[in-house]
Amino acid sequence: MHELGITRNVVAICAERANGAQVLRVKLEIGKRAGLMADSVRFCFDICAKGTLVEGAALEIDEPSGEELKIKEMEVA
């Protein structure tokens, strides 16, 4: 399940960009042809975020047509 590794990377990027602030919300865009299952990313998100600045953050996922995975928005405290 490569969704786990990708979700770990998303969490790491968000924690790094938060500059020490708690992350409240993350909005991802996962293209329908990106080769990722959005439900699997949702499942992995809380597990990967545990013990990081992203723990407890709300995750929103948009699924447009396309192949890209993007962190569209991130809200910090």
PDB file of N, CA and C in Angstrom:
ATOM      1  N   MET A   1       0.853  -1.175   0.000  1.00  0.00           N
ATOM      2  CA  MET A   1       0.000   0.000   0.000  1.00  0.00           C
ATOM      3  C   MET A   1       0.896   1.235   0.000  1.00  0.00           C
ATOM      4  N   HIS A   2       1.098   1.834  -1.165  1.00  0.00           N
ATOM      5  CA  HIS A   2       1.959   3.009  -1.240  1.00  0.00           C
ATOM      6  C   HIS A   2       1.287   4.256  -0.680  1.00  0.00           C
ATOM      7  N   GLU A   3      -0.016   4.191  -0.423  1.00  0.00           N
ATOM      8  CA  GLU A   3      -0.703   5.330   0.192  1.00  0.00           C
ATOM      9  C   GLU A   3      -0.106   5.668   1.555  1.00  0.00           C
ATOM     10  N   LEU A   4       0.332   4.658   2.286  1.00  0.00           N
ATOM     11  CA  LEU A   4       0.932   4.899   3.604  1.00  0.00           C
ATOM     12  C   LEU A   4       2.194   5.737   3.481  1.00  0.00           C
ATOM     13  N   GLY A   5       3.087   5.376   2.577  1.00  0.00           N
ATOM     14  CA  GLY A   5       4.319   6.139   2.381  1.00  0.00           C
ATOM     15  C   GLY A   5       4.056   7.549   1.888  1.00  0.00           C
ATOM     16  N   ILE A   6       3.119   7.679   0.988  1.00  0.00           N
ATOM     17  CA  ILE A   6       2.780   9.009   0.461  1.00  0.00           C
ATOM     18  C   ILE A   6       2.161   9.866   1.558  1.00  0.00           C
ATOM     19  N   THR A   7       1.292   9.274   2.355  1.00  0.00           N
ATOM     20  CA  THR A   7       0.664  10.029   3.446  1.00  0.00           C
ATOM     21  C   THR A   7       1.711  10.451   4.475  1.00  0.00           C
ATOM     22  N   ARG A   8       2.678   9.595   4.753  1.00  0.00           N
ATOM     23  CA  ARG A   8       3.784   9.981   5.656  1.00  0.00           C
ATOM     24  C   ARG A   8       4.502  11.212   5.118  1.00  0.00           C
ATOM     25  N   ASN A   9       4.747  11.221   3.816  1.00  0.00           N
ATOM     26  CA  ASN A   9       5.428  12.365   3.205  1.00  0.00           C
ATOM     27  C   ASN A   9       4.581  13.623   3.278  1.00  0.00           C
ATOM     28  N   VAL A  10       3.280  13.505   3.040  1.00  0.00           N
ATOM     29  CA  VAL A  10       2.378  14.664   3.130  1.00  0.00           C
ATOM     30  C   VAL A  10       2.422  15.229   4.548  1.00  0.00           C
ATOM     31  N   VAL A  11       2.329  14.364   5.545  1.00  0.00           N
ATOM     32  CA  VAL A  11       2.367  14.815   6.945  1.00  0.00           C
ATOM     33  C   VAL A  11       3.703  15.493   7.249  1.00  0.00           C
ATOM     34  N   ALA A  12       4.796  14.915   6.786  1.00  0.00           N
ATOM     35  CA  ALA A  12       6.119  15.504   7.029  1.00  0.00           C
ATOM     36  C   ALA A  12       6.242  16.878   6.387  1.00  0.00           C
ATOM     37  N   ILE A  13       5.747  17.024   5.176  1.00  0.00           N
ATOM     38  CA  ILE A  13       5.794  18.322   4.486  1.00  0.00           C
ATOM     39  C   ILE A  13       4.968  19.352   5.238  1.00  0.00           C
ATOM     40  N   CYS A  14       3.773  18.965   5.664  1.00  0.00           N
ATOM     41  CA  CYS A  14       2.913  19.896   6.397  1.00  0.00           C
ATOM     42  C   CYS A  14       3.546  20.308   7.722  1.00  0.00           C
ATOM     43  N   ALA A  15       4.127  19.353   8.442  1.00  0.00           N
ATOM     44  CA  ALA A  15       4.771  19.667   9.724  1.00  0.00           C
ATOM     45  C   ALA A  15       5.947  20.620   9.518  1.00  0.00           C
ATOM     46  N   GLU A  16       6.705  20.389   8.465  1.00  0.00           N
ATOM     47  CA  GLU A  16       7.849  21.265   8.167  1.00  0.00           C
ATOM     48  C   GLU A  16       7.388  22.683   7.816  1.00  0.00           C
ATOM     49  N   ARG A  17       6.366  22.782   7.003  1.00  0.00           N
ATOM     50  CA  ARG A  17       5.865  24.098   6.585  1.00  0.00           C
ATOM     51  C   ARG A  17       5.140  24.837   7.690  1.00  0.00           C
ATOM     52  N   ALA A  18       4.732  24.142   8.741  1.00  0.00           N
ATOM     53  CA  ALA A  18       4.003  24.771   9.842  1.00  0.00           C
ATOM     54  C   ALA A  18       4.907  25.625  10.720  1.00  0.00           C
ATOM     55  N   ASN A  19       6.221  25.460  10.588  1.00  0.00           N
ATOM     56  CA  ASN A  19       7.184  26.263  11.355  1.00  0.00           C
ATOM     57  C   ASN A  19       6.892  26.273  12.850  1.00  0.00           C
ATOM     58  N   GLY A  20       6.587  25.105  13.408  1.00  0.00           N
ATOM     59  CA  GLY A  20       6.368  24.988  14.842  1.00  0.00           C
ATOM     60  C   GLY A  20       4.946  25.218  15.308  1.00  0.00           C
ATOM     61  N   ALA A  21       4.052  25.640  14.429  1.00  0.00           N
ATOM     62  CA  ALA A  21       2.649  25.869  14.790  1.00  0.00           C
ATOM     63  C   ALA A  21       1.848  24.581  14.601  1.00  0.00           C
ATOM     64  N   GLN A  22       0.785  24.449  15.378  1.00  0.00           N
ATOM     65  CA  GLN A  22      -0.094  23.290  15.245  1.00  0.00           C
ATOM     66  C   GLN A  22      -0.896  23.401  13.952  1.00  0.00           C
ATOM     67  N   VAL A  23      -0.933  22.325  13.192  1.00  0.00           N
ATOM     68  CA  VAL A  23      -1.710  22.291  11.946  1.00  0.00           C
ATOM     69  C   VAL A  23      -3.155  21.946  12.300  1.00  0.00           C
ATOM     70  N   LEU A  24      -4.087  22.767  11.822  1.00  0.00           N
ATOM     71  CA  LEU A  24      -5.500  22.562  12.118  1.00  0.00           C
ATOM     72  C   LEU A  24      -6.250  21.869  10.983  1.00  0.00           C
ATOM     73  N   ARG A  25      -5.821  22.140   9.740  1.00  0.00           N
ATOM     74  CA  ARG A  25      -6.546  21.601   8.587  1.00  0.00           C
ATOM     75  C   ARG A  25      -5.596  21.440   7.422  1.00  0.00           C
ATOM     76  N   VAL A  26      -5.778  20.341   6.700  1.00  0.00           N
ATOM     77  CA  VAL A  26      -5.007  20.076   5.492  1.00  0.00           C
ATOM     78  C   VAL A  26      -5.996  19.750   4.389  1.00  0.00           C
ATOM     79  N   LYS A  27      -5.831  20.414   3.252  1.00  0.00           N
ATOM     80  CA  LYS A  27      -6.681  20.140   2.103  1.00  0.00           C
ATOM     81  C   LYS A  27      -5.806  19.589   0.984  1.00  0.00           C
ATOM     82  N   LEU A  28      -6.100  18.354   0.583  1.00  0.00           N
ATOM     83  CA  LEU A  28      -5.365  17.703  -0.492  1.00  0.00           C
ATOM     84  C   LEU A  28      -6.206  17.653  -1.750  1.00  0.00           C
ATOM     85  N   GLU A  29      -5.516  17.624  -2.864  1.00  0.00           N
ATOM     86  CA  GLU A  29      -6.148  17.360  -4.148  1.00  0.00           C
ATOM     87  C   GLU A  29      -5.501  16.091  -4.691  1.00  0.00           C
ATOM     88  N   ILE A  30      -6.308  15.055  -4.848  1.00  0.00           N
ATOM     89  CA  ILE A  30      -5.817  13.782  -5.372  1.00  0.00           C
ATOM     90  C   ILE A  30      -6.577  13.497  -6.657  1.00  0.00           C
ATOM     91  N   GLY A  31      -5.880  13.614  -7.779  1.00  0.00           N
ATOM     92  CA  GLY A  31      -6.507  13.358  -9.066  1.00  0.00           C
ATOM     93  C   GLY A  31      -7.004  11.921  -9.163  1.00  0.00           C
ATOM     94  N   LYS A  32      -8.121  11.746  -9.822  1.00  0.00           N
ATOM     95  CA  LYS A  32      -8.713  10.410  -9.950  1.00  0.00           C
ATOM     96  C   LYS A  32      -7.798   9.434 -10.677  1.00  0.00           C
ATOM     97  N   ARG A  33      -6.873   9.952 -11.468  1.00  0.00           N
ATOM     98  CA  ARG A  33      -5.927   9.093 -12.182  1.00  0.00           C
ATOM     99  C   ARG A  33      -4.536   9.126 -11.547  1.00  0.00           C
ATOM    100  N   ALA A  34      -4.443   9.543 -10.291  1.00  0.00           N
ATOM    101  CA  ALA A  34      -3.149   9.649  -9.608  1.00  0.00           C
ATOM    102  C   ALA A  34      -2.645   8.300  -9.108  1.00  0.00           C
ATOM    103  N   GLY A  35      -3.489   7.295  -9.141  1.00  0.00           N
ATOM    104  CA  GLY A  35      -3.072   5.986  -8.671  1.00  0.00           C
ATOM    105  C   GLY A  35      -3.131   5.830  -7.164  1.00  0.00           C
ATOM    106  N   LEU A  36      -3.873   6.705  -6.506  1.00  0.00           N
ATOM    107  CA  LEU A  36      -4.036   6.652  -5.057  1.00  0.00           C
ATOM    108  C   LEU A  36      -5.511   6.502  -4.714  1.00  0.00           C
ATOM    109  N   MET A  37      -5.768   5.769  -3.647  1.00  0.00           N
ATOM    110  CA  MET A  37      -7.140   5.653  -3.158  1.00  0.00           C
ATOM    111  C   MET A  37      -7.324   6.668  -2.037  1.00  0.00           C
ATOM    112  N   ALA A  38      -8.218   7.620  -2.255  1.00  0.00           N
ATOM    113  CA  ALA A  38      -8.442   8.677  -1.266  1.00  0.00           C
ATOM    114  C   ALA A  38      -8.857   8.101   0.085  1.00  0.00           C
ATOM    115  N   ASP A  39      -9.659   7.045   0.083  1.00  0.00           N
ATOM    116  CA  ASP A  39     -10.081   6.442   1.349  1.00  0.00           C
ATOM    117  C   ASP A  39      -8.894   5.876   2.119  1.00  0.00           C
ATOM    118  N   SER A  40      -7.925   5.330   1.420  1.00  0.00           N
ATOM    119  CA  SER A  40      -6.726   4.806   2.080  1.00  0.00           C
ATOM    120  C   SER A  40      -5.888   5.936   2.665  1.00  0.00           C
ATOM    121  N   VAL A  41      -5.794   7.046   1.948  1.00  0.00           N
ATOM    122  CA  VAL A  41      -5.069   8.210   2.460  1.00  0.00           C
ATOM    123  C   VAL A  41      -5.761   8.729   3.721  1.00  0.00           C
ATOM    124  N   ARG A  42      -7.092   8.785   3.693  1.00  0.00           N
ATOM    125  CA  ARG A  42      -7.843   9.220   4.883  1.00  0.00           C
ATOM    126  C   ARG A  42      -7.540   8.302   6.071  1.00  0.00           C
ATOM    127  N   PHE A  43      -7.543   6.998   5.824  1.00  0.00           N
ATOM    128  CA  PHE A  43      -7.276   6.028   6.877  1.00  0.00           C
ATOM    129  C   PHE A  43      -5.871   6.210   7.456  1.00  0.00           C
ATOM    130  N   CYS A  44      -4.896   6.411   6.592  1.00  0.00           N
ATOM    131  CA  CYS A  44      -3.493   6.531   7.017  1.00  0.00           C
ATOM    132  C   CYS A  44      -3.168   7.872   7.671  1.00  0.00           C
ATOM    133  N   PHE A  45      -3.938   8.906   7.365  1.00  0.00           N
ATOM    134  CA  PHE A  45      -3.597  10.261   7.801  1.00  0.00           C
ATOM    135  C   PHE A  45      -3.452  10.375   9.314  1.00  0.00           C
ATOM    136  N   ASP A  46      -4.448   9.930  10.069  1.00  0.00           N
ATOM    137  CA  ASP A  46      -4.382  10.059  11.535  1.00  0.00           C
ATOM    138  C   ASP A  46      -3.247   9.230  12.116  1.00  0.00           C
ATOM    139  N   ILE A  47      -2.999   8.068  11.531  1.00  0.00           N
ATOM    140  CA  ILE A  47      -1.911   7.207  12.001  1.00  0.00           C
ATOM    141  C   ILE A  47      -0.568   7.894  11.783  1.00  0.00           C
ATOM    142  N   CYS A  48      -0.382   8.456  10.604  1.00  0.00           N
ATOM    143  CA  CYS A  48       0.887   9.111  10.273  1.00  0.00           C
ATOM    144  C   CYS A  48       1.074  10.417  11.035  1.00  0.00           C
ATOM    145  N   ALA A  49      -0.022  11.095  11.351  1.00  0.00           N
ATOM    146  CA  ALA A  49       0.056  12.398  12.020  1.00  0.00           C
ATOM    147  C   ALA A  49       0.294  12.281  13.525  1.00  0.00           C
ATOM    148  N   LYS A  50       0.064  11.100  14.085  1.00  0.00           N
ATOM    149  CA  LYS A  50       0.201  10.921  15.538  1.00  0.00           C
ATOM    150  C   LYS A  50       1.601  11.332  16.007  1.00  0.00           C
ATOM    151  N   GLY A  51       1.629  12.192  17.015  1.00  0.00           N
ATOM    152  CA  GLY A  51       2.890  12.645  17.589  1.00  0.00           C
ATOM    153  C   GLY A  51       3.577  13.761  16.816  1.00  0.00           C
ATOM    154  N   THR A  52       2.891  14.327  15.813  1.00  0.00           N
ATOM    155  CA  THR A  52       3.466  15.420  15.021  1.00  0.00           C
ATOM    156  C   THR A  52       2.618  16.682  15.196  1.00  0.00           C
ATOM    157  N   LEU A  53       3.051  17.765  14.595  1.00  0.00           N
ATOM    158  CA  LEU A  53       2.280  19.012  14.605  1.00  0.00           C
ATOM    159  C   LEU A  53       0.986  18.888  13.815  1.00  0.00           C
ATOM    160  N   VAL A  54       0.835  17.809  13.085  1.00  0.00           N
ATOM    161  CA  VAL A  54      -0.353  17.591  12.250  1.00  0.00           C
ATOM    162  C   VAL A  54      -1.404  16.765  12.990  1.00  0.00           C
ATOM    163  N   GLU A  55      -1.047  16.208  14.134  1.00  0.00           N
ATOM    164  CA  GLU A  55      -1.997  15.373  14.884  1.00  0.00           C
ATOM    165  C   GLU A  55      -3.267  16.157  15.202  1.00  0.00           C
ATOM    166  N   GLY A  56      -4.414  15.563  14.915  1.00  0.00           N
ATOM    167  CA  GLY A  56      -5.702  16.183  15.180  1.00  0.00           C
ATOM    168  C   GLY A  56      -6.203  17.084  14.066  1.00  0.00           C
ATOM    169  N   ALA A  57      -5.400  17.302  13.038  1.00  0.00           N
ATOM    170  CA  ALA A  57      -5.815  18.178  11.930  1.00  0.00           C
ATOM    171  C   ALA A  57      -6.939  17.532  11.137  1.00  0.00           C
ATOM    172  N   ALA A  58      -7.853  18.361  10.673  1.00  0.00           N
ATOM    173  CA  ALA A  58      -8.914  17.893   9.782  1.00  0.00           C
ATOM    174  C   ALA A  58      -8.313  17.693   8.393  1.00  0.00           C
ATOM    175  N   LEU A  59      -8.723  16.635   7.727  1.00  0.00           N
ATOM    176  CA  LEU A  59      -8.249  16.352   6.377  1.00  0.00           C
ATOM    177  C   LEU A  59      -9.406  16.474   5.414  1.00  0.00           C
ATOM    178  N   GLU A  60      -9.220  17.287   4.389  1.00  0.00           N
ATOM    179  CA  GLU A  60     -10.197  17.426   3.312  1.00  0.00           C
ATOM    180  C   GLU A  60      -9.529  16.973   2.021  1.00  0.00           C
ATOM    181  N   ILE A  61     -10.250  16.186   1.240  1.00  0.00           N
ATOM    182  CA  ILE A  61      -9.700  15.694  -0.018  1.00  0.00           C
ATOM    183  C   ILE A  61     -10.656  16.004  -1.155  1.00  0.00           C
ATOM    184  N   ASP A  62     -10.146  16.701  -2.160  1.00  0.00           N
ATOM    185  CA  ASP A  62     -10.863  16.916  -3.417  1.00  0.00           C
ATOM    186  C   ASP A  62     -10.323  15.917  -4.416  1.00  0.00           C
ATOM    187  N   GLU A  63     -11.201  15.408  -5.282  1.00  0.00           N
ATOM    188  CA  GLU A  63     -10.791  14.403  -6.267  1.00  0.00           C
ATOM    189  C   GLU A  63     -11.167  14.843  -7.686  1.00  0.00           C
ATOM    190  N   PRO A  64     -10.425  15.792  -8.244  1.00  0.00           N
ATOM    191  CA  PRO A  64     -10.701  16.217  -9.614  1.00  0.00           C
ATOM    192  C   PRO A  64     -10.176  15.172 -10.607  1.00  0.00           C
ATOM    193  N   SER A  65     -10.548  15.333 -11.854  1.00  0.00           N
ATOM    194  CA  SER A  65      -9.918  14.468 -12.854  1.00  0.00           C
ATOM    195  C   SER A  65      -8.465  14.911 -12.959  1.00  0.00           C
ATOM    196  N   GLY A  66      -7.609  14.048 -13.333  1.00  0.00           N
ATOM    197  CA  GLY A  66      -6.200  14.388 -13.445  1.00  0.00           C
ATOM    198  C   GLY A  66      -5.337  13.387 -12.710  1.00  0.00           C
ATOM    199  N   GLU A  67      -4.037  13.661 -12.713  1.00  0.00           N
ATOM    200  CA  GLU A  67      -3.064  12.724 -12.166  1.00  0.00           C
ATOM    201  C   GLU A  67      -2.268  13.282 -11.004  1.00  0.00           C
ATOM    202  N   GLU A  68      -2.542  14.486 -10.587  1.00  0.00           N
ATOM    203  CA  GLU A  68      -1.689  15.144  -9.600  1.00  0.00           C
ATOM    204  C   GLU A  68      -2.140  14.903  -8.170  1.00  0.00           C
ATOM    205  N   LEU A  69      -1.170  14.974  -7.286  1.00  0.00           N
ATOM    206  CA  LEU A  69      -1.401  15.018  -5.847  1.00  0.00           C
ATOM    207  C   LEU A  69      -0.821  16.342  -5.380  1.00  0.00           C
ATOM    208  N   LYS A  70      -1.648  17.165  -4.742  1.00  0.00           N
ATOM    209  CA  LYS A  70      -1.201  18.489  -4.285  1.00  0.00           C
ATOM    210  C   LYS A  70      -1.709  18.747  -2.873  1.00  0.00           C
ATOM    211  N   ILE A  71      -0.901  19.437  -2.103  1.00  0.00           N
ATOM    212  CA  ILE A  71      -1.364  20.019  -0.862  1.00  0.00           C
ATOM    213  C   ILE A  71      -1.900  21.390  -1.251  1.00  0.00           C
ATOM    214  N   LYS A  72      -3.217  21.520  -1.292  1.00  0.00           N
ATOM    215  CA  LYS A  72      -3.826  22.759  -1.780  1.00  0.00           C
ATOM    216  C   LYS A  72      -3.840  23.861  -0.718  1.00  0.00           C
ATOM    217  N   GLU A  73      -4.132  23.479   0.520  1.00  0.00           N
ATOM    218  CA  GLU A  73      -4.205  24.462   1.599  1.00  0.00           C
ATOM    219  C   GLU A  73      -3.783  23.799   2.901  1.00  0.00           C
ATOM    220  N   MET A  74      -3.314  24.636   3.808  1.00  0.00           N
ATOM    221  CA  MET A  74      -2.977  24.159   5.143  1.00  0.00           C
ATOM    222  C   MET A  74      -3.264  25.301   6.107  1.00  0.00           C
ATOM    223  N   GLU A  75      -4.012  25.002   7.135  1.00  0.00           N
ATOM    224  CA  GLU A  75      -4.348  26.013   8.150  1.00  0.00           C
ATOM    225  C   GLU A  75      -3.611  25.680   9.441  1.00  0.00           C
ATOM    226  N   VAL A  76      -2.957  26.673  10.003  1.00  0.00           N
ATOM    227  CA  VAL A  76      -2.236  26.488  11.261  1.00  0.00           C
ATOM    228  C   VAL A  76      -2.805  27.408  12.335  1.00  0.00           C
ATOM    229  N   ALA A  77      -2.518  27.047  13.583  1.00  0.00           N
ATOM    230  CA  ALA A  77      -3.006  27.854  14.719  1.00  0.00           C
ATOM    231  C   ALA A  77      -2.162  29.102  14.872  1.00  0.00           C
TER     232      ALA A  77
END
